[in-house]
Amino acid sequence: MTTKRYLCVLLCLTSYLTYSSGMMTQVRKEAIGMILISWLAKTSLQGSKEYLGCFTESEESRVFSSGPGDYDPHDISPIRCLEQCGIKYKYAALQDGRLCLCSNTLPGTPKLDDSECNTPCPGSSKWPPSEHYLKCGGPLKNSVYNAGERILGFTLQKIESLNILEPVNIHGGITNGINVSYVFDLGDGTLVTKPSSEPKARHIYDKPGSYVVTATASNIISGEVVASEVYNVDDPRNNIRLTCPRAAEVGQIVECNGTMDRGSRVNSTFVFSDGRTDRMSISSRYYSAGTIVPRGNDSSVIPVLNTPGTILIPAYEFQHDGQVTHWDFEIVEKGTIKLMILRPECSAGEEYCTSTRSCKISSSSCLPLKQKKCSSDEMFCMIQKRCVSNAYTTTQDANNNPVKVYTSSSTCPIQAPYQWSEPRADYRILFVQEISLETIGHHISAIPLAQQPFVKEGDILGWLPVTGYLAYKSVADHEGASFEYSSGVSAVNDKLLRSGSTTLHQKHFVFAAHYAHVAKFVVRNRFGTPGLKSLTSNITEPLYLYIDYPIRNVTFEASKFANTNDSVEFLVPEHPGTNTTYFWDFGNGESLYTHLPSISYAFPTEGVFYVSLRAENSISHTVLTFPISIFDPILEFEYKSPIKANALGTETLIEWKTSRGTNITFVVDFGDATPRYSAVTTLSGGRAVDTRHTYSAVGNYTVTVYAFNRVGPNITIVSYAVVEVPLEGLEFSVPNPHITKNIYLAAGDTMTVSRHYQKGTNIKCSCDFRDGTPPVLTTSQDMSHTYTNAGTYHVEITCFNDVNSITKPLNGTVVVQELQAITGLTVLTSATKFGTRSELLLEMATGSVFVCEWDFGDGNKTSTDFSFMGQTMYYTYVAVDTYNVAVTCTNRVGSVTARAVAPVDIPIDGVIISNNKRYIKVGEPVRLDVTVQKGTRMLYTVSYGDASTGSLSRDAAKAPSLADHESFTHAYATDGSYTVKVNVSNSYGWKEETLGETIMAQYPVEGIILRSNSPVRLSSGNVTYFISVLEGANPPTGAYAVWSFGDNSPVTTPEPIYDLRQKTYMRSHRFMINNTFTTTVNISNQVSHEDPVGNVSLSSQLPTYYREPTVFNFQVTSRGSQSCLKLSLGDNNGAIFGQRHCRPSVMVANVTFIPVPENQTSFNYSYMYIYRGNYSVELTLWNFVSSQSVVWPIEIADLPCDYPIVRIDSEGTKTSPRKVKKSEPLVLPADVRYKCPVGKRIIFSWKAYEVL
């Protein structure tokens, strides 16, 4: 049988005082101040592992020789002995019922029978009968027990204060005991640890408070030993603010409002200066947004969910406003993550509805989420946290009892506020924190105080994986989903738009944000006396406020009139109110603060001043206003400024002033016998007065002003008014000769300046010649001055009278030079493009004070002076030509002339060279055509490529826009390939062009000799052919041979024939049969191949008459190659048509050569026969390879009629024409002689034309 013994547990109660709305309320709360150990002990030791047996003890060598002390020999038990010995020793022994002995070793003697140790323990008579079997040894007999295994004491480490959301290790300590297991209950209902051999527990408290931590230590011997300790968890206070009104009325309740951003159980004492004290404990409220994060890392084994975008979780919503302090999360892959806070936002024209957590149109309704009071037809739905309709109808049940039947709208169903398929609002990022972690599992991270963000109700959480990933859990649809945005934005103020691309994950990620809701408190007091009061506390800075009685019935007294600088007394009679301050504003910019009810003040200036008094204290004020008039005597009466001279017919301004004076009367006498002017002023109106007067004539007038008032003597001041005709139309002229605005003089020359003006009286002029001499002041028209030093002078002249002045610089610069002879005069020119300006540069070695006359060579002239030296003269010629330019420069020393030539041409452009044929025979002329589109006065130079050239000069000045075209012919003496170039130049420049193709000059195929070794035997059949040229003949250039052997073998392809000058060309062919064969070889090159001519036709116009031209027409179907035509007229005369090669080298008188193009096929030729008769006309067309001819008969007969003879009789001749008036008809007699027997109705036509 076992007995359980319990030691007492003492519970202590502590009182707390809290304050609400300034009224103190005592609230008792149970709090554990101290908990003693509760020890469950086993009293049945016999047969246990602790009881080791009965041993004898030797007097000589005692094993148990030490006593533990601190025990009562009259009340000893095995448990008490074990407890005492177990502190320092392993074993305990009870001897003879009165001794408790200790040892670290067991006796070496054998164990005795347990009956040998049968001495009862002291006090055992009071034990329950079930425990009488316990014995305490015997005489020299020890009941030995194992003291090391029993837990003799167990306590928890005392910690004064813990911070919320920070990991804490709670340690326990035991006295004695082995193989102990520990279990901790952390006291916040969130965690009971699993049994552990370590006497400590790690925990994080989410909220402040006092937590009872209970730890149990147990082993087989001791059972369970329980220890408890109270731990205070708090959040340090942060940013406490207290504000009070600046002032209050006596007896009024003063209310000071305070806030604390963070902090728990902040015990504060507020002390008012009147002795009243308030005490209170202030605490913020602490919440978390997100999920409950496990602290045991149970979810760290789940796989990573690959979500590269920004993720927001609408269900992780902040339910209150507050300051975020910590992140709480679990990592399944180490690395970097970004945790963020987002705020829902809507587009323009929308509002965010907190009850539906979505954007709505601004005009639509939104049920409030949290309502403090429902209407009479509503009821409050706890689930939805808002009012719902309470509409119902009344019916009767089966027993006719009334029954309420609620409509469907009055139900209060459980809602799933976050069960969305897509985001319902846009979200703006408010806060982002990047966190890098090297370990997976649970983490809690504090946000630096300076960075802790403030959130509002409705804000949500989100995150972005960078390289690390959060744990997650799958959730039901009604718990809400996570939305992943593909954009992956993570910067503050970035927006996640609901229109963006999102991916829905039916999962919640394991993280949360802990935040504190601001604590608010109020301190109140009613002050009964006035004065400066204070409020101090142990948590805030001292505050001060004024307590006063209000001000009422304030008045003041003062004189209504005074003189300047006289003292004026202001008196405020006694009135209700405390701590009154008087602010006097005297209406002139000066003021005074004082606590005195009476003051004196002297006004420094005159006028009517509205004096105001503001009487005020900390809680009230009143304002009074009082007018007072201040007067001045007349002092310092004078003209404000001298009277300015004015133009006749304009107003003269007369101004005067006084430094002091009030209500002054002024009288002005203008000095021209006109009526006087009077001015009456009031108050300070006499400080500055003016009037205007128009004088009718030029003159100097005396102006007198009189001043007087009631307090001062009469005063008179005098001044003068001058009236003139203003100067107008001022001009200057310089008689000295000059070309430009520069007036060149030699040192020692005298210059004269003449003035001219249209209007003005009493004009004077001051001329500053700017050479260091004093200006010349004169009233005469001319001003002369002699310059003695060389230099450049800008003369300035000022002409004036009393009313105005005009200053003008001389319209020219005076340049004074030392006189030098002109030397080294040259004119530089260059060729000029027609239509542009020619540039002519005049240079001179020495020379000064000269004028140069320019003759441009086209009849135009101009002049320049020294200022033009070194500059370019630009001149445009109107025609292409070469102009002789002459410049003559002259000064007093002499004249020098320089000459130059200025060619003007159109630039050469558009040079084209072409040829009529590329391949020509050696010695055959080839024509080269050169066309120039633009250019004048050109020199053509053609390089034929064989070291010879041809040149031609053309003056195209009369047709400057087109230079036409020129032709050149050239015959090459040897064969070869020749590159032809043409250079066209004029004075402006040159152009060079190259013929697009080379000219190929070749020797023709002629003088060819063909031989063979024929006859030959059939056995070999090989015939050798030899080609050579006659002696003295030139071998053909670039020739090819085509062989036809006459034995039905194919014609050979063209074969080149090499230079026959060096060797004979040989060709072999094998004949296969006996026969006589004709072998033909066609040898050709580019100049030896000719096309045959085509057919020709010949005709003439009929009839043909004597003494009238006969027109022949002939047509050619094909001209062939290098063909010529010859027309034999039948009377030993004829004509040859063709190109230059058709022209006979010796022309006879009766044959005419007519050049025609090579491709012309139609011809007309007119010929007049000198004899009547029949003629046979033959046309022959031929070239080297063909010939065609045709014969055309013709008869030349007399005309049927004579030639008419007509003579006009007129008095006029070409040199002395007859004069006829415009209105007079012209009659011309005619003598006509004509015979024509076959003619009828013959008409003669007359034509008159103007002879130029």
Foldseek 3Di string as FASTA:
>chain_A
DWDWDWDDWDADWDWDWADAPADTDTDTDGDGPFTDKTFTFTLPCVPHQFFDAKDFADPVDGQFDAALDDDDQLDDAPVVLLLSQLQPEFKWWFAAQRGITGHNDDDPDDGDHRVQQAAFHRPCVVPPPVNRRGGHGNHSMIRMTGSQAAFNAKEKDDDAEAEAQDKDKIFMDTRGHDPKWKWKDFAPPPDIDDTDPGRIDIDGHHDWDKGKMKMWIADDNRGIMIYIDIYGYKHQWDDKDKDWDQAAAAQDKTKIKIKTQAIFQQWKWKAKPVGDIDIHGWHWDKDKFADDFDQPLPQLPDDFDDFQFKKFFQLRFDQFWHWFWKKKFFFNFFWKKKKFKKAFDADPQWDQALLLRAIDGPPDDHFHQADPDDDPQWDAQPQSNHIWGNDWDWDADPVRDIDTGGDPRRDRDHALSALDPFRRGKIFTADMDMDGDDDGTIDMGTDPPVRTDIDGGSMTMIMGDDPIGTGKDADDSSSHWMKGFPVRDDDGGDMDGSPGDIDTGRMGTGMMIMTIHMIMHMHMDRHNDFDKMWMDMPPDDIDIHTYKHEWDDWDKDWDQEEAAQDKIKIAIDDTDMPPKWKWKDFQPPDIDIDPDRMDIDGHNAFDKGWIKIWIDDRPYIDMDIDIHGYAWCFADKDWPDAWAEAEAPDKTKTKIATPHGAQKKKWKDFQPPDDIDIDTGGIRPRGMDMDIDHDHDFDKGKMKMWMDDDPDDIDIDIHIYGYWHWWAAKDKDKPQDDDDLEREAEAFDKTKIFIDTDDIDPKWKWKDQAPPDGTDIDPDGMDMDGHHDFDKTWMKMWMGDRHDIDIDIHSHIYGYHHADDWADWEKDWAEAEAPFWTKIAIETDDGAPKKKWKDFQPRDIDIDHPVCHPHIDTDHDNFFDKGKIKMWMADPVGIDIYIDIYGYKHDWDDWDKEWPDQEEAAQDKTKIKIFTQAIAFKKKWKDFQPPDIDIDTDGPRVPGRGPGMDMDIDGHNDFDWGKMKMWMDDRVGIDIDTYPGTRTYKHWADQKDKDWPPPDDLVFQKIKIWIAGDPPGAHIDFKWKWKDWQQPDDIDDTDTDPGRVVHIDMDMDGDNDDDDTDMDMDMGDPHHDKFWWAEKDKDWDPDAEAPFKIKMKMFTPGLIGQKKKKKDWQPRAIEIEEAPVRDDPDDDPRYHYDYDDSGDGIDMDIDHDNDFAKGKMKMKMGDPPYIYMDIDIHGYYHDQWDDKDKDKDDPADPVRGDDDDPPGDDDIDMDIDIDHPPDDPDDDDDDDDDDD
